[in-house]
Amino acid sequence: MGVSGCGKTSFGSAFADAIGARFVDGDDLHPAENIAKMSRGEPLEDADRFPWLQQIGEMLQHSGGPVVVGCSALKRRYRDLIRDSAGQPVTFLHLSGPKDLIASYVSRRQDHFMPASLVDSQFAALEPPGPDEDAITVSIDQDPQGVLNDLLVATGALRHE
């Protein structure tokens, strides 16, 4: 989870491969209307997000095995909706980094519907996970292998020695 451009797809996919799980990019589950709205530089509203978040939770419920989903889940109520829809424990891995670093990543992306102009609105909407949530925060302000190692160590998939 995290703002657009934090590496949900690249790190999520690498993490899933490392632990033998399936990766699902939450962006692929957005309805066409949401993608069109974001492509125009318009941030989504809760009414746009709720059906999408519920679909992610239901997909987790029926996954039949371990799944890593790349999904923004910027607000606690969004994460709660995913958990409720999943009907099972869900751990969120929050990829965190400075706005200028993430904005530079977004501006270099090609073939993605999310414009760099929405980075500020993503940070404004972000509610980092609280200590009472099942969530782990990892900094992306390091080399990619360091991020992956931190994810593996933090989740217990790799012991730090």
Protein backbone atom coordinates (compact mmCIF):
# COMPACT_ATOMS: atom_id res chain seq x y z
CA MET A 1 0.00 0.00 0.00
CA GLY A 2 1.04 3.57 -0.50
CA VAL A 3 0.78 6.57 -2.73
CA SER A 4 1.03 6.30 -6.50
CA GLY A 5 4.63 5.80 -7.57
CA CYS A 6 5.93 4.27 -4.33
CA GLY A 7 6.62 0.91 -6.01
CA LYS A 8 3.54 -1.14 -5.18
CA THR A 9 3.71 -3.02 -8.46
CA SER A 10 7.47 -3.55 -8.71
CA PHE A 11 8.09 -4.34 -5.05
CA GLY A 12 4.80 -6.20 -4.66
CA SER A 13 5.59 -8.44 -7.61
CA ALA A 14 9.15 -9.09 -6.42
CA PHE A 15 7.93 -9.78 -2.88
CA ALA A 16 5.24 -12.18 -4.16
CA ASP A 17 7.83 -14.05 -6.24
CA ALA A 18 10.17 -14.28 -3.25
CA ILE A 19 7.51 -15.82 -0.98
CA GLY A 20 5.81 -17.99 -3.61
CA ALA A 21 2.58 -15.98 -3.72
CA ARG A 22 0.50 -14.70 -6.61
CA PHE A 23 0.68 -10.96 -7.36
CA VAL A 24 -2.39 -8.95 -8.36
CA ASP A 25 -2.06 -5.31 -9.38
CA GLY A 26 -5.02 -3.52 -7.85
CA ASP A 27 -4.91 -1.02 -10.71
CA ASP A 28 -6.07 -3.83 -13.00
CA LEU A 29 -9.26 -4.12 -10.95
CA HIS A 30 -10.26 -0.46 -11.34
CA PRO A 31 -13.40 0.05 -13.42
CA ALA A 32 -12.89 1.98 -16.66
CA GLU A 33 -14.63 5.03 -15.16
CA ASN A 34 -12.02 5.29 -12.39
CA ILE A 35 -9.13 5.02 -14.85
CA ALA A 36 -10.68 7.66 -17.11
CA LYS A 37 -11.16 10.00 -14.16
CA MET A 38 -7.57 9.63 -12.96
CA SER A 39 -6.26 9.96 -16.53
CA ARG A 40 -7.94 13.37 -16.65
CA GLY A 41 -6.05 14.35 -13.49
CA GLU A 42 -9.12 14.07 -11.25
CA PRO A 43 -8.63 12.35 -7.90
CA LEU A 44 -11.07 9.58 -7.06
CA GLU A 45 -13.75 10.14 -4.45
CA ASP A 46 -14.82 7.59 -1.86
CA ALA A 47 -17.86 6.66 -3.96
CA ASP A 48 -15.43 5.73 -6.76
CA ARG A 49 -13.13 3.76 -4.48
CA PHE A 50 -15.51 1.72 -2.33
CA PRO A 51 -16.66 -0.79 -5.00
CA TRP A 52 -13.04 -1.23 -6.11
CA LEU A 53 -11.79 -1.80 -2.54
CA GLN A 54 -14.62 -4.25 -1.87
CA GLN A 55 -13.70 -6.15 -5.03
CA ILE A 56 -10.10 -6.40 -3.82
CA GLY A 57 -11.25 -7.79 -0.47
CA GLU A 58 -13.58 -10.29 -2.12
CA MET A 59 -10.79 -11.41 -4.44
CA LEU A 60 -8.63 -12.05 -1.36
CA GLN A 61 -11.46 -13.99 0.26
CA HIS A 62 -11.70 -16.35 -2.71
CA SER A 63 -8.00 -16.48 -3.58
CA GLY A 64 -7.37 -20.04 -2.43
CA GLY A 65 -3.77 -19.24 -1.54
CA PRO A 66 -1.34 -16.50 -0.65
CA VAL A 67 -1.82 -13.30 -2.64
CA VAL A 68 0.04 -9.99 -2.65
CA VAL A 69 -2.07 -7.10 -3.94
CA GLY A 70 -0.68 -3.75 -5.01
CA CYS A 71 -3.29 -1.26 -3.81
CA SER A 72 -3.07 2.32 -2.57
CA ALA A 73 -5.35 1.79 0.50
CA LEU A 74 -4.46 5.34 1.55
CA LYS A 75 -6.97 5.72 4.37
CA ARG A 76 -7.72 3.52 7.34
CA ARG A 77 -11.36 3.14 6.34
CA TYR A 78 -10.21 1.83 2.95
CA ARG A 79 -8.00 -0.76 4.64
CA ASP A 80 -10.84 -1.66 6.99
CA LEU A 81 -13.17 -2.18 4.01
CA ILE A 82 -10.64 -4.52 2.38
CA ARG A 83 -10.25 -6.46 5.64
CA ASP A 84 -14.02 -6.70 6.14
CA SER A 85 -14.58 -7.81 2.54
CA ALA A 86 -11.75 -10.35 2.74
CA GLY A 87 -13.23 -11.98 5.83
CA GLN A 88 -9.75 -12.99 6.95
CA PRO A 89 -6.61 -11.34 8.33
CA VAL A 90 -4.89 -8.97 5.90
CA THR A 91 -1.44 -7.50 6.53
CA PHE A 92 -0.67 -4.21 4.81
CA LEU A 93 2.88 -3.43 3.72
CA HIS A 94 3.19 0.35 3.56
CA LEU A 95 5.84 1.55 1.12
CA SER A 96 6.84 4.97 2.40
CA GLY A 97 9.12 7.61 0.96
CA PRO A 98 9.63 11.35 0.60
CA LYS A 99 7.26 13.18 -1.73
CA ASP A 100 10.05 14.52 -3.97
CA LEU A 101 11.45 11.01 -4.54
CA ILE A 102 8.04 9.57 -5.35
CA ALA A 103 7.15 12.51 -7.61
CA SER A 104 10.35 11.86 -9.56
CA TYR A 105 9.36 8.19 -10.00
CA VAL A 106 5.86 9.13 -11.18
CA SER A 107 7.16 11.70 -13.66
CA ARG A 108 9.40 9.05 -15.28
CA ARG A 109 6.67 6.42 -15.65
CA GLN A 110 5.31 5.73 -19.08
CA ASP A 111 2.05 4.03 -20.03
CA HIS A 112 0.38 4.65 -16.67
CA PHE A 113 -2.91 6.46 -16.19
CA MET A 114 -1.91 8.30 -13.00
CA PRO A 115 -0.40 11.70 -13.81
CA ALA A 116 2.30 13.28 -11.64
CA SER A 117 -0.15 16.10 -10.91
CA LEU A 118 -2.03 13.78 -8.52
CA VAL A 119 0.96 13.04 -6.26
CA ASP A 120 0.08 15.95 -3.94
CA SER A 121 -3.51 14.74 -3.57
CA GLN A 122 -2.25 11.23 -2.80
CA PHE A 123 -0.03 12.52 0.01
CA ALA A 124 -2.86 14.73 1.31
CA ALA A 125 -5.17 11.70 1.49
CA LEU A 126 -2.59 9.33 3.02
CA GLU A 127 -3.30 8.12 6.55
CA PRO A 128 -0.26 6.03 7.47
CA PRO A 129 -1.22 2.81 9.25
CA GLY A 130 -1.63 3.14 12.98
CA PRO A 131 0.07 0.96 15.59
CA ASP A 132 -3.20 -0.91 16.14
CA GLU A 133 -3.40 -2.00 12.49
CA ASP A 134 -1.81 -5.15 11.09
CA ALA A 135 0.66 -3.19 8.98
CA ILE A 136 4.38 -2.89 8.36
CA THR A 137 6.04 0.27 7.02
CA VAL A 138 9.18 0.02 4.89
CA SER A 139 11.15 2.96 3.50
CA ILE A 140 11.70 3.02 -0.26
CA ASP A 141 14.45 5.63 0.15
CA GLN A 142 17.15 3.02 -0.51
CA ASP A 143 18.23 0.68 -3.29
CA PRO A 144 15.55 -1.73 -4.59
CA GLN A 145 17.22 -4.84 -3.15
CA GLY A 146 17.30 -3.15 0.26
CA VAL A 147 13.56 -2.48 0.04
CA LEU A 148 12.85 -6.11 -0.88
CA ASN A 149 15.12 -7.38 1.91
CA ASP A 150 13.40 -5.09 4.42
CA LEU A 151 9.99 -6.41 3.31
CA LEU A 152 11.15 -10.01 3.66
CA VAL A 153 12.75 -9.44 7.06
CA ALA A 154 9.81 -7.41 8.41
CA THR A 155 7.31 -10.11 7.45
CA GLY A 156 9.45 -12.93 8.78
CA ALA A 157 9.94 -14.42 5.32
CA LEU A 158 13.69 -13.83 5.65
CA ARG A 159 15.57 -13.83 8.89
CA HIS A 160 18.01 -10.99 9.39
CA GLU A 161 21.34 -12.38 10.45
